[in-house]
Amino acid sequence: MLLEIAASEEKFSVSDYEIKRTEVNYSANTAEYFKSLYPDDELYFIIGDDSYNELDTWFEPHRILKVCTLLVFPREGADVRPPAVEIPMERVPISSSDIRNLIKIGKDCRNLLPKSVFDYIINRNLYGLRELN
């Protein structure tokens, strides 16, 4: 739900492909599925550099690289090498887990989230938020 709210403010859409699958799913399956839907389009697989640092532990990551351009968000300082491409942007030294933890302790982190997502979290009292500090 939060992803759908965030995407509605941008030029993105959210797919329920992985949620609807009944068998174990791997990112490689998802990448190939979308390539089959859009065979003539260039697809991008976007991950944070924390995930990029562990890519060699993923199930058959070469299948993702075969059908997608791998884009990496900088955060921790990964050594991004071709064929992956580092997204040129200011490093953001915070993760989604960090944001959830800030919310749990009542810290105001509205500047870290789209307004609609922050409002949804507050209005639904997600993550046990009691009040903002």
Protein backbone atom coordinates (compact mmCIF):
# COMPACT_ATOMS: atom_id res chain seq x y z
CA MET A 1 0.00 0.00 0.00
CA LEU A 2 2.76 2.47 0.90
CA LEU A 3 4.49 1.77 -2.38
CA GLU A 4 1.28 2.42 -4.30
CA ILE A 5 0.84 5.73 -2.47
CA ALA A 6 4.41 6.80 -3.20
CA ALA A 7 4.22 5.72 -6.85
CA SER A 8 1.00 7.66 -7.40
CA GLU A 9 2.96 10.90 -6.98
CA GLU A 10 5.53 9.89 -9.59
CA LYS A 11 5.60 8.32 -13.03
CA PHE A 12 5.68 4.78 -11.67
CA SER A 13 3.18 2.01 -11.25
CA VAL A 14 3.17 -0.96 -8.90
CA SER A 15 2.77 -4.54 -10.06
CA ASP A 16 1.32 -7.36 -7.97
CA TYR A 17 3.13 -9.99 -10.08
CA GLU A 18 5.27 -11.31 -7.22
CA ILE A 19 2.46 -11.25 -4.65
CA LYS A 20 0.18 -13.31 -6.88
CA ARG A 21 2.76 -16.01 -7.55
CA THR A 22 2.13 -19.16 -5.56
CA GLU A 23 5.60 -20.65 -5.93
CA VAL A 24 8.90 -19.35 -4.59
CA ASN A 25 9.91 -16.33 -6.60
CA TYR A 26 13.30 -14.89 -7.40
CA SER A 27 14.15 -11.46 -8.77
CA ALA A 28 15.47 -13.18 -11.90
CA ASN A 29 11.97 -14.59 -12.58
CA THR A 30 10.44 -11.16 -12.17
CA ALA A 31 12.98 -9.51 -14.47
CA GLU A 32 12.39 -12.13 -17.17
CA TYR A 33 8.62 -11.84 -16.78
CA PHE A 34 8.67 -8.10 -17.41
CA LYS A 35 11.10 -8.54 -20.30
CA SER A 36 8.58 -10.93 -21.87
CA LEU A 37 5.88 -8.25 -21.51
CA TYR A 38 8.10 -5.47 -22.89
CA PRO A 39 10.61 -7.20 -25.19
CA ASP A 40 11.57 -4.04 -27.06
CA ASP A 41 11.99 -1.81 -24.01
CA GLU A 42 15.09 -1.26 -21.94
CA LEU A 43 14.37 -2.44 -18.40
CA TYR A 44 16.09 -1.15 -15.29
CA PHE A 45 16.56 -3.09 -12.07
CA ILE A 46 17.12 -0.59 -9.27
CA ILE A 47 18.69 -1.56 -5.94
CA GLY A 48 20.51 0.10 -3.09
CA ASP A 49 24.22 -0.40 -2.78
CA ASP A 50 23.67 -2.54 0.33
CA SER A 51 21.83 -5.06 -1.88
CA TYR A 52 24.39 -4.59 -4.64
CA ASN A 53 27.13 -5.60 -2.20
CA GLU A 54 25.30 -8.92 -1.70
CA LEU A 55 24.31 -9.52 -5.32
CA ASP A 56 26.64 -12.51 -5.60
CA THR A 57 24.50 -14.30 -2.97
CA TRP A 58 21.29 -13.86 -4.97
CA PHE A 59 19.73 -16.67 -6.99
CA GLU A 60 21.18 -16.52 -10.53
CA PRO A 61 21.84 -12.76 -10.69
CA HIS A 62 23.27 -13.19 -14.20
CA ARG A 63 19.68 -13.68 -15.44
CA ILE A 64 18.78 -10.21 -14.16
CA LEU A 65 21.81 -8.68 -15.85
CA LYS A 66 20.89 -10.41 -19.11
CA VAL A 67 17.54 -8.59 -19.40
CA CYS A 68 18.00 -5.43 -17.31
CA THR A 69 20.38 -2.57 -16.77
CA LEU A 70 21.31 -2.66 -13.10
CA LEU A 71 21.09 0.78 -11.45
CA VAL A 72 22.54 1.22 -7.97
CA PHE A 73 21.51 3.88 -5.43
CA PRO A 74 24.59 4.99 -3.48
CA ARG A 75 24.37 4.88 0.30
CA GLU A 76 27.12 2.89 1.97
CA GLY A 77 29.84 3.41 -0.61
CA ALA A 78 29.79 0.28 -2.75
CA ASP A 79 32.36 -0.11 -5.48
CA VAL A 80 29.86 -0.17 -8.37
CA ARG A 81 31.38 -1.82 -11.43
CA PRO A 82 30.09 -2.40 -14.96
CA PRO A 83 27.70 -3.65 -16.08
CA ALA A 84 26.01 -2.01 -13.06
CA VAL A 85 25.62 1.77 -13.14
CA GLU A 86 25.70 4.00 -10.06
CA ILE A 87 22.88 6.52 -10.05
CA PRO A 88 24.54 9.94 -9.84
CA MET A 89 23.00 11.50 -6.76
CA GLU A 90 23.86 12.71 -3.31
CA ARG A 91 24.45 9.82 -0.96
CA VAL A 92 21.55 9.20 1.38
CA PRO A 93 22.92 7.74 4.61
CA ILE A 94 19.61 6.24 5.75
CA SER A 95 17.68 3.08 4.98
CA SER A 96 14.00 2.16 5.07
CA SER A 97 14.70 0.25 8.30
CA ASP A 98 16.22 3.40 9.79
CA ILE A 99 13.10 5.39 8.84
CA ARG A 100 10.79 2.77 10.38
CA ASN A 101 12.83 2.86 13.58
CA LEU A 102 12.69 6.66 13.71
CA ILE A 103 8.91 6.51 13.31
CA LYS A 104 8.63 3.89 16.07
CA ILE A 105 10.34 6.21 18.54
CA GLY A 106 8.27 9.19 17.41
CA LYS A 107 10.92 11.18 15.53
CA ASP A 108 9.60 13.53 12.89
CA CYS A 109 10.95 12.20 9.60
CA ARG A 110 8.47 13.76 7.20
CA ASN A 111 11.40 15.16 5.21
CA LEU A 112 12.50 11.60 4.40
CA LEU A 113 9.23 10.43 2.84
CA PRO A 114 6.70 11.63 0.29
CA LYS A 115 4.04 13.66 2.12
CA SER A 116 1.27 11.23 1.20
CA VAL A 117 3.24 8.28 2.60
CA PHE A 118 4.07 10.10 5.82
CA ASP A 119 0.44 11.16 6.25
CA TYR A 120 -0.76 7.57 5.69
CA ILE A 121 1.67 6.27 8.34
CA ILE A 122 0.54 8.91 10.84
CA ASN A 123 -3.19 8.51 10.12
CA ARG A 124 -3.03 4.71 10.43
CA ASN A 125 -0.64 4.73 13.41
CA LEU A 126 1.72 2.39 11.59
CA TYR A 127 4.89 1.15 13.28
CA GLY A 128 3.43 1.93 16.72
CA LEU A 129 3.82 5.68 16.35
CA ARG A 130 2.35 7.40 19.36
CA GLU A 131 3.31 11.03 18.85
CA LEU A 132 6.01 13.01 17.10
CA ASN A 133 8.97 14.40 19.02
